[in-house]
């Protein structure tokens, strides 16, 4: 964690703006700890990359935006 960062903030930024990375501890009311079981890992060019699985995506798409509704309908239609 960067010096001066507050771990309670939803968004923490490292002090070097040349290589900016946003670290979110919560998205759509879901904490990382709650989301972790729904993470699926794929290795691309030898690098493990986390992706939200279907159940986690459904959990993250409970908003009222039109895009969320479209995404929910799609996710619910696939096996």
C-alpha atoms as a PDB file:
ATOM      1  CA  UNK A   1       0.000   0.000   0.000  1.00  0.00           C
ATOM      2  CA  UNK A   2       1.334   3.423  -0.848  1.00  0.00           C
ATOM      3  CA  UNK A   3       2.390   5.665   2.027  1.00  0.00           C
ATOM      4  CA  UNK A   4      -0.521   7.844   3.038  1.00  0.00           C
ATOM      5  CA  UNK A   5      -3.094   5.513   1.472  1.00  0.00           C
ATOM      6  CA  UNK A   6      -6.149   4.723   3.517  1.00  0.00           C
ATOM      7  CA  UNK A   7      -7.027   1.012   3.269  1.00  0.00           C
ATOM      8  CA  UNK A   8     -10.646   1.956   3.994  1.00  0.00           C
ATOM      9  CA  UNK A   9     -10.857   3.978   0.768  1.00  0.00           C
ATOM     10  CA  UNK A  10     -12.585   2.170  -2.088  1.00  0.00           C
ATOM     11  CA  UNK A  11      -9.911   3.451  -4.480  1.00  0.00           C
ATOM     12  CA  UNK A  12      -6.215   3.655  -3.657  1.00  0.00           C
ATOM     13  CA  UNK A  13      -3.586   5.060  -6.008  1.00  0.00           C
ATOM     14  CA  UNK A  14       0.171   4.604  -5.812  1.00  0.00           C
ATOM     15  CA  UNK A  15       2.248   7.795  -5.496  1.00  0.00           C
ATOM     16  CA  UNK A  16       3.902   7.446  -8.948  1.00  0.00           C
ATOM     17  CA  UNK A  17       1.438   8.775 -11.556  1.00  0.00           C
ATOM     18  CA  UNK A  18       3.644   7.530 -14.409  1.00  0.00           C
ATOM     19  CA  UNK A  19       2.355   3.983 -13.915  1.00  0.00           C
ATOM     20  CA  UNK A  20      -1.138   4.558 -12.581  1.00  0.00           C
ATOM     21  CA  UNK A  21      -2.996   1.537 -11.256  1.00  0.00           C
ATOM     22  CA  UNK A  22      -6.363   1.782  -9.533  1.00  0.00           C
ATOM     23  CA  UNK A  23      -6.831  -0.745  -6.745  1.00  0.00           C
ATOM     24  CA  UNK A  24     -10.465  -1.194  -5.809  1.00  0.00           C
ATOM     25  CA  UNK A  25     -11.317  -2.920  -2.561  1.00  0.00           C
ATOM     26  CA  UNK A  26     -15.035  -2.865  -3.326  1.00  0.00           C
ATOM     27  CA  UNK A  27     -17.200  -2.764  -6.464  1.00  0.00           C
ATOM     28  CA  UNK A  28     -20.989  -2.538  -6.616  1.00  0.00           C
ATOM     29  CA  UNK A  29     -21.160  -3.084  -2.859  1.00  0.00           C
ATOM     30  CA  UNK A  30     -19.185  -6.339  -3.087  1.00  0.00           C
ATOM     31  CA  UNK A  31     -15.878  -6.490  -1.228  1.00  0.00           C
ATOM     32  CA  UNK A  32     -12.882  -8.383  -2.573  1.00  0.00           C
ATOM     33  CA  UNK A  33     -13.283 -10.965   0.190  1.00  0.00           C
ATOM     34  CA  UNK A  34     -16.898 -11.574  -0.871  1.00  0.00           C
ATOM     35  CA  UNK A  35     -15.949 -11.686  -4.564  1.00  0.00           C
ATOM     36  CA  UNK A  36     -12.870 -13.902  -4.234  1.00  0.00           C
ATOM     37  CA  UNK A  37     -14.724 -17.261  -4.453  1.00  0.00           C
ATOM     38  CA  UNK A  38     -16.263 -16.122  -7.765  1.00  0.00           C
ATOM     39  CA  UNK A  39     -12.928 -15.330  -9.402  1.00  0.00           C
ATOM     40  CA  UNK A  40     -11.816 -17.605 -12.232  1.00  0.00           C
ATOM     41  CA  UNK A  41      -8.170 -17.626 -13.293  1.00  0.00           C
ATOM     42  CA  UNK A  42      -6.836 -17.946 -16.842  1.00  0.00           C
ATOM     43  CA  UNK A  43      -3.183 -17.966 -17.823  1.00  0.00           C
ATOM     44  CA  UNK A  44      -2.305 -15.797 -20.810  1.00  0.00           C
ATOM     45  CA  UNK A  45       1.286 -15.846 -22.071  1.00  0.00           C
ATOM     46  CA  UNK A  46       2.323 -17.379 -18.764  1.00  0.00           C
ATOM     47  CA  UNK A  47       0.622 -14.677 -16.687  1.00  0.00           C
ATOM     48  CA  UNK A  48      -2.295 -15.663 -14.403  1.00  0.00           C
ATOM     49  CA  UNK A  49      -5.176 -13.220 -14.886  1.00  0.00           C
ATOM     50  CA  UNK A  50      -8.283 -13.068 -12.677  1.00  0.00           C
ATOM     51  CA  UNK A  51     -11.723 -12.829 -14.271  1.00  0.00           C
ATOM     52  CA  UNK A  52     -15.135 -12.567 -12.672  1.00  0.00           C
ATOM     53  CA  UNK A  53     -17.038 -15.829 -13.172  1.00  0.00           C
ATOM     54  CA  UNK A  54     -20.704 -15.916 -14.165  1.00  0.00           C
ATOM     55  CA  UNK A  55     -22.088 -15.949 -10.605  1.00  0.00           C
ATOM     56  CA  UNK A  56     -19.842 -13.056  -9.587  1.00  0.00           C
ATOM     57  CA  UNK A  57     -20.765 -11.075 -12.706  1.00  0.00           C
ATOM     58  CA  UNK A  58     -24.453 -11.552 -11.877  1.00  0.00           C
ATOM     59  CA  UNK A  59     -23.763 -10.300  -8.368  1.00  0.00           C
ATOM     60  CA  UNK A  60     -21.969  -7.232  -9.760  1.00  0.00           C
ATOM     61  CA  UNK A  61     -24.719  -6.478 -12.308  1.00  0.00           C
ATOM     62  CA  UNK A  62     -27.590  -5.802  -9.884  1.00  0.00           C
ATOM     63  CA  UNK A  63     -27.718  -2.073 -10.676  1.00  0.00           C
ATOM     64  CA  UNK A  64     -30.557  -0.265 -12.415  1.00  0.00           C
ATOM     65  CA  UNK A  65     -28.580   0.937 -15.446  1.00  0.00           C
ATOM     66  CA  UNK A  66     -29.865  -0.266 -18.817  1.00  0.00           C
ATOM     67  CA  UNK A  67     -26.459  -1.864 -19.461  1.00  0.00           C
ATOM     68  CA  UNK A  68     -26.708  -3.841 -16.202  1.00  0.00           C
ATOM     69  CA  UNK A  69     -30.139  -5.156 -17.206  1.00  0.00           C
ATOM     70  CA  UNK A  70     -28.859  -6.188 -20.647  1.00  0.00           C
ATOM     71  CA  UNK A  71     -25.832  -7.889 -19.093  1.00  0.00           C
ATOM     72  CA  UNK A  72     -28.013  -9.713 -16.518  1.00  0.00           C
ATOM     73  CA  UNK A  73     -30.350 -10.988 -19.248  1.00  0.00           C
ATOM     74  CA  UNK A  74     -27.362 -12.267 -21.233  1.00  0.00           C
ATOM     75  CA  UNK A  75     -25.689 -13.907 -18.236  1.00  0.00           C
ATOM     76  CA  UNK A  76     -28.944 -15.587 -17.191  1.00  0.00           C
ATOM     77  CA  UNK A  77     -29.394 -16.975 -20.717  1.00  0.00           C
ATOM     78  CA  UNK A  78     -26.078 -18.864 -20.833  1.00  0.00           C
ATOM     79  CA  UNK A  79     -25.125 -22.110 -19.116  1.00  0.00           C
END
